[in-house]
N, C-alpha and C. Protein backbone atom coordinates (compact mmCIF):
# COMPACT_ATOMS: atom_id res chain seq x y z
N MET A 1 7.50 -15.13 18.53
CA MET A 1 7.63 -14.68 16.99
C MET A 1 6.81 -13.53 16.81
N TYR A 2 5.53 -13.42 17.49
CA TYR A 2 5.48 -11.76 17.35
C TYR A 2 5.30 -11.23 18.63
N LYS A 3 5.60 -10.12 18.81
CA LYS A 3 5.62 -9.10 19.94
C LYS A 3 4.77 -8.05 19.78
N LYS A 4 4.85 -7.12 18.74
CA LYS A 4 3.64 -6.24 18.27
C LYS A 4 2.94 -6.49 17.12
N ILE A 5 1.58 -6.22 17.08
CA ILE A 5 0.79 -6.67 15.87
C ILE A 5 0.15 -5.47 15.87
N LEU A 6 0.49 -4.47 15.25
CA LEU A 6 -0.43 -3.20 14.61
C LEU A 6 -1.81 -3.86 13.80
N VAL A 7 -3.00 -2.89 14.45
CA VAL A 7 -4.26 -3.45 13.79
C VAL A 7 -4.84 -2.28 13.24
N PRO A 8 -4.63 -1.84 12.21
CA PRO A 8 -5.67 -0.51 11.71
C PRO A 8 -6.66 -0.69 11.91
N LEU A 9 -7.82 0.39 12.14
CA LEU A 9 -9.34 0.23 12.04
C LEU A 9 -9.79 1.42 11.89
N ASP A 10 -10.89 1.30 11.03
CA ASP A 10 -11.44 2.93 10.74
C ASP A 10 -12.96 3.05 11.60
N GLY A 11 -13.46 2.50 12.68
CA GLY A 11 -14.64 2.85 13.17
C GLY A 11 -15.52 1.92 12.87
N THR A 12 -15.16 0.94 11.74
CA THR A 12 -16.68 0.32 11.05
C THR A 12 -16.72 -1.49 11.75
N PRO A 13 -17.82 -2.20 11.89
CA PRO A 13 -17.75 -3.76 12.14
C PRO A 13 -16.85 -4.24 11.07
N LEU A 14 -16.98 -3.89 9.75
CA LEU A 14 -15.62 -4.67 8.90
C LEU A 14 -14.32 -4.61 9.44
N ALA A 15 -14.04 -3.59 9.46
CA ALA A 15 -12.66 -3.50 10.14
C ALA A 15 -12.14 -4.08 11.34
N GLU A 16 -13.11 -4.02 12.04
CA GLU A 16 -12.97 -4.84 13.97
C GLU A 16 -13.17 -6.11 13.75
N ALA A 17 -13.28 -6.89 12.40
CA ALA A 17 -13.48 -8.06 12.23
C ALA A 17 -12.29 -9.03 12.34
N VAL A 18 -11.58 -8.14 12.28
CA VAL A 18 -9.98 -8.66 12.51
C VAL A 18 -9.65 -9.11 14.06
N LEU A 19 -10.30 -8.22 15.11
CA LEU A 19 -10.10 -8.29 16.25
C LEU A 19 -10.03 -9.11 16.83
N PRO A 20 -10.87 -10.46 17.17
CA PRO A 20 -10.59 -11.35 17.47
C PRO A 20 -9.47 -12.10 17.28
N HIS A 21 -8.88 -12.37 15.89
CA HIS A 21 -7.78 -12.84 15.47
C HIS A 21 -6.88 -12.57 15.90
N ALA A 22 -6.98 -10.58 16.04
CA ALA A 22 -5.67 -10.40 15.91
C ALA A 22 -5.14 -10.66 17.80
N GLN A 23 -6.50 -10.44 18.72
CA GLN A 23 -6.28 -10.47 19.84
C GLN A 23 -6.19 -12.13 20.37
N ALA A 24 -6.46 -13.33 19.41
CA ALA A 24 -6.12 -14.19 19.89
C ALA A 24 -4.74 -14.58 19.17
N LEU A 25 -3.89 -14.12 18.36
CA LEU A 25 -2.73 -14.21 17.69
C LEU A 25 -1.54 -13.59 18.96
N ALA A 26 -2.42 -12.43 19.72
CA ALA A 26 -1.59 -11.72 20.20
C ALA A 26 -1.28 -12.18 21.98
N LYS A 27 -2.91 -13.14 22.35
CA LYS A 27 -2.41 -14.18 23.34
C LYS A 27 -1.59 -14.99 23.26
N SER A 28 -1.64 -16.02 22.09
CA SER A 28 -0.56 -17.23 21.72
C SER A 28 0.86 -16.65 21.18
N GLU A 29 0.78 -15.21 21.40
CA GLU A 29 2.44 -15.16 21.21
C GLU A 29 3.11 -14.08 22.05
N GLY A 30 1.72 -13.67 22.91
CA GLY A 30 2.02 -12.81 24.16
C GLY A 30 2.82 -11.16 23.90
N ALA A 31 2.02 -11.39 22.63
CA ALA A 31 2.05 -9.98 21.90
C ALA A 31 0.99 -9.00 22.24
N GLU A 32 1.78 -7.77 22.20
CA GLU A 32 0.50 -6.53 22.17
C GLU A 32 0.25 -5.74 20.83
N LEU A 33 -1.02 -5.82 21.09
CA LEU A 33 -1.58 -5.27 19.93
C LEU A 33 -1.87 -3.74 20.07
N ILE A 34 -1.49 -2.95 18.75
CA ILE A 34 -0.91 -1.83 18.69
C ILE A 34 -2.36 -1.44 17.62
N LEU A 35 -3.29 -0.37 18.40
CA LEU A 35 -4.34 0.09 17.39
C LEU A 35 -4.15 1.16 16.38
N LEU A 36 -4.29 1.13 15.66
CA LEU A 36 -4.09 2.58 14.60
C LEU A 36 -5.25 2.72 14.48
N ARG A 37 -5.78 4.17 14.67
CA ARG A 37 -6.74 4.95 13.94
C ARG A 37 -6.43 6.12 13.11
N VAL A 38 -6.65 6.11 11.71
CA VAL A 38 -6.12 6.72 11.15
C VAL A 38 -7.53 7.98 10.74
N ALA A 39 -7.25 9.24 11.68
CA ALA A 39 -8.26 10.25 11.30
C ALA A 39 -8.23 10.80 9.80
N VAL A 40 -9.28 10.94 9.44
CA VAL A 40 -8.86 11.29 7.52
C VAL A 40 -9.80 12.73 8.07
N THR A 41 -9.08 13.76 8.13
CA THR A 41 -9.76 15.37 7.75
C THR A 41 -10.02 15.77 6.52
N PRO A 42 -10.78 16.39 6.65
CA PRO A 42 -10.87 17.56 5.40
C PRO A 42 -9.89 17.78 4.62
N ASN A 43 -9.72 18.14 3.29
CA ASN A 43 -8.29 19.11 2.86
C ASN A 43 -9.02 20.37 3.35
N PRO A 44 -8.16 21.03 3.74
CA PRO A 44 -8.03 22.34 3.90
C PRO A 44 -8.53 23.45 3.05
N ASN A 45 -8.88 23.36 1.64
CA ASN A 45 -9.42 23.71 0.00
C ASN A 45 -10.74 23.80 0.74
N PHE A 46 -11.41 22.58 1.18
CA PHE A 46 -12.74 22.07 1.17
C PHE A 46 -13.23 23.42 2.84
N TYR A 47 -12.39 23.79 3.24
CA TYR A 47 -13.43 24.96 4.19
C TYR A 47 -12.31 26.49 4.23
N HIS A 48 -11.99 26.75 2.77
CA HIS A 48 -11.08 27.59 2.44
C HIS A 48 -11.61 28.97 2.94
N ARG A 49 -12.93 29.20 2.78
CA ARG A 49 -13.94 30.49 2.85
C ARG A 49 -14.10 30.69 5.10
N ASP A 50 -13.85 29.41 6.11
CA ASP A 50 -13.96 29.89 6.86
C ASP A 50 -13.39 28.94 7.58
N GLU A 51 -12.24 29.30 7.98
CA GLU A 51 -11.21 28.52 8.74
C GLU A 51 -11.32 28.10 10.01
N GLY A 52 -12.06 28.57 10.63
CA GLY A 52 -12.27 28.78 12.13
C GLY A 52 -13.52 27.08 12.16
N GLU A 53 -14.49 27.07 11.60
CA GLU A 53 -15.34 26.20 10.84
C GLU A 53 -14.70 24.96 10.29
N GLY A 54 -13.78 25.06 9.37
CA GLY A 54 -12.65 23.88 9.18
C GLY A 54 -11.75 23.35 10.47
N ARG A 55 -11.65 24.34 11.41
CA ARG A 55 -10.48 23.86 12.40
C ARG A 55 -11.51 23.04 13.46
N LEU A 56 -13.01 23.11 14.11
CA LEU A 56 -14.22 22.74 14.47
C LEU A 56 -14.36 21.41 13.94
N ILE A 57 -14.18 21.24 12.34
CA ILE A 57 -14.58 20.01 12.10
C ILE A 57 -13.72 18.84 12.14
N THR A 58 -12.14 19.72 11.76
CA THR A 58 -11.08 19.01 11.86
C THR A 58 -10.90 18.29 13.61
N ASP A 59 -11.14 19.22 14.29
CA ASP A 59 -11.06 18.65 15.71
C ASP A 59 -12.14 17.72 16.39
N GLN A 60 -13.09 17.93 16.11
CA GLN A 60 -14.54 16.66 16.22
C GLN A 60 -13.87 15.70 15.32
N ILE A 61 -13.51 15.31 14.38
CA ILE A 61 -13.27 14.43 13.73
C ILE A 61 -11.70 13.60 14.53
N GLU A 62 -10.98 14.25 15.11
CA GLU A 62 -9.96 13.71 15.90
C GLU A 62 -10.92 13.43 17.47
N GLU A 63 -11.62 14.05 17.88
CA GLU A 63 -11.96 14.08 19.13
C GLU A 63 -12.82 12.84 18.98
N GLU A 64 -13.54 12.40 17.92
CA GLU A 64 -13.85 10.74 17.47
C GLU A 64 -13.57 9.84 17.57
N ALA A 65 -12.12 10.25 16.78
CA ALA A 65 -10.90 8.78 16.48
C ALA A 65 -10.60 8.71 18.05
N LEU A 66 -9.95 10.00 19.13
CA LEU A 66 -9.73 9.38 20.08
C LEU A 66 -10.53 8.51 21.09
N ASP A 67 -12.08 9.07 21.30
CA ASP A 67 -13.10 8.63 21.80
C ASP A 67 -12.96 6.85 21.37
N TYR A 68 -12.92 6.68 19.55
CA TYR A 68 -12.97 5.19 19.59
C TYR A 68 -12.13 4.68 20.04
N MET A 69 -10.76 4.82 19.84
CA MET A 69 -9.38 3.75 20.27
C MET A 69 -9.72 3.50 21.79
N LYS A 70 -10.24 4.43 22.67
CA LYS A 70 -10.26 4.38 23.93
C LYS A 70 -11.24 3.36 24.22
N MET A 71 -12.07 3.44 23.57
CA MET A 71 -13.53 2.90 23.88
C MET A 71 -12.76 0.72 23.36
N GLU A 72 -12.15 1.22 22.18
CA GLU A 72 -11.96 -0.59 21.53
C GLU A 72 -10.79 -0.84 22.41
N SER A 73 -10.07 0.14 23.18
CA SER A 73 -8.85 -0.17 24.19
C SER A 73 -9.30 -0.42 25.24
N ALA A 74 -9.83 -0.37 25.76
CA ALA A 74 -10.56 -0.75 26.92
C ALA A 74 -11.41 -2.55 27.23
N LYS A 75 -12.03 -2.51 25.84
CA LYS A 75 -12.42 -3.56 25.56
C LYS A 75 -11.47 -4.54 25.53
N LEU A 76 -10.40 -4.51 24.87
CA LEU A 76 -9.43 -5.51 24.99
C LEU A 76 -8.71 -5.72 26.35
N GLU A 77 -7.97 -4.94 26.55
CA GLU A 77 -7.83 -4.46 28.06
C GLU A 77 -8.69 -5.50 29.25
N ASN A 78 -9.71 -5.47 29.02
CA ASN A 78 -10.51 -5.63 29.97
C ASN A 78 -10.56 -7.17 29.63
N GLU A 79 -10.13 -7.93 28.31
CA GLU A 79 -9.89 -9.21 28.53
C GLU A 79 -8.55 -9.70 28.55
N GLY A 80 -7.80 -8.71 29.38
CA GLY A 80 -6.73 -9.53 29.05
C GLY A 80 -5.67 -9.09 28.19
N THR A 81 -5.97 -7.86 27.07
CA THR A 81 -5.31 -8.24 26.18
C THR A 81 -4.19 -6.96 26.59
N LYS A 82 -2.77 -6.81 26.25
CA LYS A 82 -2.10 -5.97 26.59
C LYS A 82 -2.65 -4.58 24.86
N VAL A 83 -2.74 -3.63 25.43
CA VAL A 83 -3.11 -2.69 24.34
C VAL A 83 -1.98 -1.46 24.06
N THR A 84 -1.92 -0.52 23.03
CA THR A 84 -1.67 0.36 22.42
C THR A 84 -2.41 1.25 21.95
N ALA A 85 -2.99 2.70 21.97
CA ALA A 85 -3.94 3.04 20.71
C ALA A 85 -3.19 4.35 20.14
N ILE A 86 -3.21 4.31 19.36
CA ILE A 86 -2.77 5.53 18.25
C ILE A 86 -3.41 6.14 17.13
N THR A 87 -3.66 7.25 17.27
CA THR A 87 -4.09 8.30 16.44
C THR A 87 -3.05 8.72 15.51
N ARG A 88 -3.63 9.41 14.00
CA ARG A 88 -2.95 9.83 13.33
C ARG A 88 -4.15 10.63 12.56
N ASP A 89 -3.37 11.39 11.45
CA ASP A 89 -3.55 11.69 10.17
C ASP A 89 -3.04 11.81 9.10
N GLY A 90 -3.48 11.61 7.96
CA GLY A 90 -2.70 11.33 6.96
C GLY A 90 -3.57 10.51 5.81
N THR A 91 -2.40 10.07 5.08
CA THR A 91 -3.10 9.04 3.71
C THR A 91 -2.74 7.62 4.70
N ILE A 92 -4.21 7.22 4.11
CA ILE A 92 -4.04 5.52 4.88
C ILE A 92 -3.36 4.94 5.10
N PRO A 93 -2.50 4.05 3.65
CA PRO A 93 -1.75 3.11 3.60
C PRO A 93 -0.01 3.62 4.09
N ASP A 94 -0.09 4.94 3.88
CA ASP A 94 1.35 5.66 3.99
C ASP A 94 1.14 5.68 5.64
N THR A 95 0.21 6.01 5.88
CA THR A 95 0.40 5.96 7.93
C THR A 95 0.55 4.75 8.20
N ILE A 96 -0.42 3.64 8.02
CA ILE A 96 -0.30 2.27 8.46
C ILE A 96 1.16 1.82 8.35
N LEU A 97 1.85 1.87 7.31
CA LEU A 97 3.30 1.51 6.95
C LEU A 97 4.17 2.53 7.87
N LYS A 98 4.13 3.58 7.89
CA LYS A 98 4.94 4.48 8.72
C LYS A 98 4.48 4.13 10.52
N VAL A 99 3.64 3.73 10.50
CA VAL A 99 3.15 3.46 12.37
C VAL A 99 3.77 2.22 12.55
N ALA A 100 3.57 1.15 10.88
CA ALA A 100 4.45 0.09 11.41
C ALA A 100 5.71 0.03 11.94
N GLU A 101 6.65 0.58 10.96
CA GLU A 101 7.98 1.40 11.37
C GLU A 101 8.47 2.02 12.21
N GLU A 102 7.54 2.63 12.80
CA GLU A 102 7.47 3.77 14.35
C GLU A 102 7.48 2.68 15.20
N THR A 103 6.56 1.68 15.28
CA THR A 103 6.69 1.44 16.44
C THR A 103 7.11 -0.39 16.39
N HIS A 104 7.69 -0.61 15.30
CA HIS A 104 8.74 -2.07 15.48
C HIS A 104 7.78 -2.95 15.33
N ALA A 105 6.88 -3.36 14.50
CA ALA A 105 5.65 -3.69 14.57
C ALA A 105 6.42 -5.07 13.71
N ASP A 106 6.04 -6.43 13.88
CA ASP A 106 6.31 -7.75 14.04
C ASP A 106 5.29 -8.02 12.55
N VAL A 107 3.81 -7.31 12.84
CA VAL A 107 2.75 -8.34 11.74
C VAL A 107 1.72 -7.09 11.67
N ILE A 108 0.75 -6.50 10.48
CA ILE A 108 0.25 -5.94 10.28
C ILE A 108 -1.53 -6.78 10.42
N ALA A 109 -2.47 -6.81 10.86
CA ALA A 109 -3.59 -7.66 11.04
C ALA A 109 -4.58 -6.64 10.49
N MET A 110 -5.23 -7.11 9.60
CA MET A 110 -6.18 -5.66 8.80
C MET A 110 -7.26 -6.78 8.23
N SER A 111 -8.67 -5.94 8.15
CA SER A 111 -9.65 -7.17 7.43
C SER A 111 -9.46 -6.16 6.06
N THR A 112 -10.32 -7.18 5.04
CA THR A 112 -10.28 -6.29 3.87
C THR A 112 -11.92 -6.09 3.44
N HIS A 113 -12.55 -5.24 3.07
CA HIS A 113 -13.58 -4.72 2.84
C HIS A 113 -14.52 -5.49 1.52
N GLY A 114 -13.34 -6.60 1.04
CA GLY A 114 -14.45 -7.37 0.15
C GLY A 114 -14.69 -6.40 -1.12
N ARG A 115 -14.02 -5.59 -1.53
CA ARG A 115 -14.94 -4.90 -3.12
C ARG A 115 -13.99 -5.50 -3.85
N ILE A 116 -15.12 -5.80 -4.88
CA ILE A 116 -14.43 -6.07 -6.27
C ILE A 116 -15.22 -5.26 -7.67
N GLY A 117 -14.51 -5.60 -8.58
CA GLY A 117 -14.94 -4.27 -9.86
C GLY A 117 -14.96 -3.27 -9.48
N MET A 118 -15.84 -2.62 -9.96
CA MET A 118 -15.61 -0.63 -10.36
C MET A 118 -15.84 -0.13 -8.98
N GLN A 119 -16.73 -1.23 -8.04
CA GLN A 119 -16.47 -0.24 -6.38
C GLN A 119 -14.90 -0.36 -6.29
N ARG A 120 -13.98 -1.28 -6.29
CA ARG A 120 -12.67 -1.34 -5.97
C ARG A 120 -11.64 -0.24 -6.75
N LEU A 121 -12.05 -0.22 -8.06
CA LEU A 121 -11.22 0.69 -8.76
C LEU A 121 -11.70 1.73 -8.96
N PHE A 122 -12.43 2.06 -8.11
CA PHE A 122 -12.86 3.66 -7.71
C PHE A 122 -12.51 4.09 -6.46
N GLN A 123 -12.59 3.09 -5.33
CA GLN A 123 -12.34 2.90 -4.01
C GLN A 123 -10.98 2.94 -3.38
N GLY A 124 -10.52 2.03 -4.19
CA GLY A 124 -9.16 1.36 -4.37
C GLY A 124 -9.05 0.62 -2.78
N SER A 125 -8.13 -0.27 -2.67
CA SER A 125 -8.01 -1.06 -1.62
C SER A 125 -6.93 -0.77 -0.92
N VAL A 126 -7.16 -0.22 0.76
CA VAL A 126 -5.93 -0.07 1.67
C VAL A 126 -5.39 -1.30 1.72
N ALA A 127 -6.03 -2.35 1.74
CA ALA A 127 -5.20 -3.81 2.22
C ALA A 127 -4.22 -4.19 1.17
N ASP A 128 -4.71 -4.00 -0.39
CA ASP A 128 -3.94 -3.79 -1.16
C ASP A 128 -2.53 -3.28 -1.19
N GLU A 129 -2.54 -2.18 -1.20
CA GLU A 129 -1.46 -1.19 -1.07
C GLU A 129 -0.54 -1.81 0.02
N VAL A 130 -1.27 -1.94 1.20
CA VAL A 130 -0.33 -1.81 2.56
C VAL A 130 0.52 -3.57 2.14
N VAL A 131 -0.47 -4.48 1.23
CA VAL A 131 0.48 -5.75 1.39
C VAL A 131 1.75 -5.32 0.05
N HIS A 132 1.38 -4.76 -0.47
CA HIS A 132 2.43 -4.92 -1.56
C HIS A 132 3.83 -3.52 -1.31
N ALA A 133 3.37 -3.01 -0.34
CA ALA A 133 4.41 -2.03 0.33
C ALA A 133 4.99 -2.04 1.56
N SER A 134 4.58 -3.35 2.22
CA SER A 134 5.18 -3.72 3.66
C SER A 134 6.34 -4.56 3.29
N HIS A 135 7.21 -4.20 4.24
CA HIS A 135 8.35 -5.06 4.61
C HIS A 135 8.16 -6.31 5.60
N ILE A 136 7.00 -5.96 6.35
CA ILE A 136 6.92 -7.09 7.40
C ILE A 136 5.18 -7.87 7.32
N PRO A 137 5.76 -8.89 7.73
CA PRO A 137 3.93 -10.01 6.84
C PRO A 137 2.44 -8.88 7.06
N VAL A 138 1.56 -9.58 6.47
CA VAL A 138 0.32 -8.88 6.78
C VAL A 138 -0.85 -9.41 6.79
N MET A 139 -1.17 -10.01 7.70
CA MET A 139 -2.55 -10.82 7.96
C MET A 139 -3.87 -10.36 7.29
N LEU A 140 -4.32 -10.53 6.56
CA LEU A 140 -5.88 -10.30 6.10
C LEU A 140 -7.20 -10.88 6.38
N ILE A 141 -8.04 -10.65 7.18
CA ILE A 141 -9.18 -11.43 7.38
C ILE A 141 -10.47 -11.07 6.64
N HIS A 142 -10.94 -11.76 5.53
CA HIS A 142 -12.40 -11.15 5.35
C HIS A 142 -13.38 -11.36 6.19
N PRO A 143 -14.35 -9.92 6.45
CA PRO A 143 -14.77 -9.68 7.22
C PRO A 143 -16.01 -11.29 7.63
N ASN A 144 -16.17 -12.04 6.31
CA ASN A 144 -17.49 -12.74 6.32
C ASN A 144 -17.22 -14.08 6.70
């Protein structure tokens, strides 16, 4: 049923809580995990005075994202899971949906951060945005 499972990660243990669930689903279905890390880079207006410093910051963020994805992929591959790792920049919900379409993912598996009340109002919910805009199933895992 599922051949490709997209798993967005943000580098936090909360986001990584979905990995055992996604890995179990992948193993039971003979599916591939597609790990996605959206590198959030500063707005160019943030460093308009020193473009060189801005490029340095952006390069460092992108390098950290690549290193993180290599580490997470290696862990899963060592456990016998087929994995592809992708890093992108852009707005997080839109990038998740775009990569899901590009990779022909059958399901998106992601953790919710469990924000409620004012925290959710101000920080928003990536999971909510993805669920409401996705044309494929979304599996949400609460990290607790």
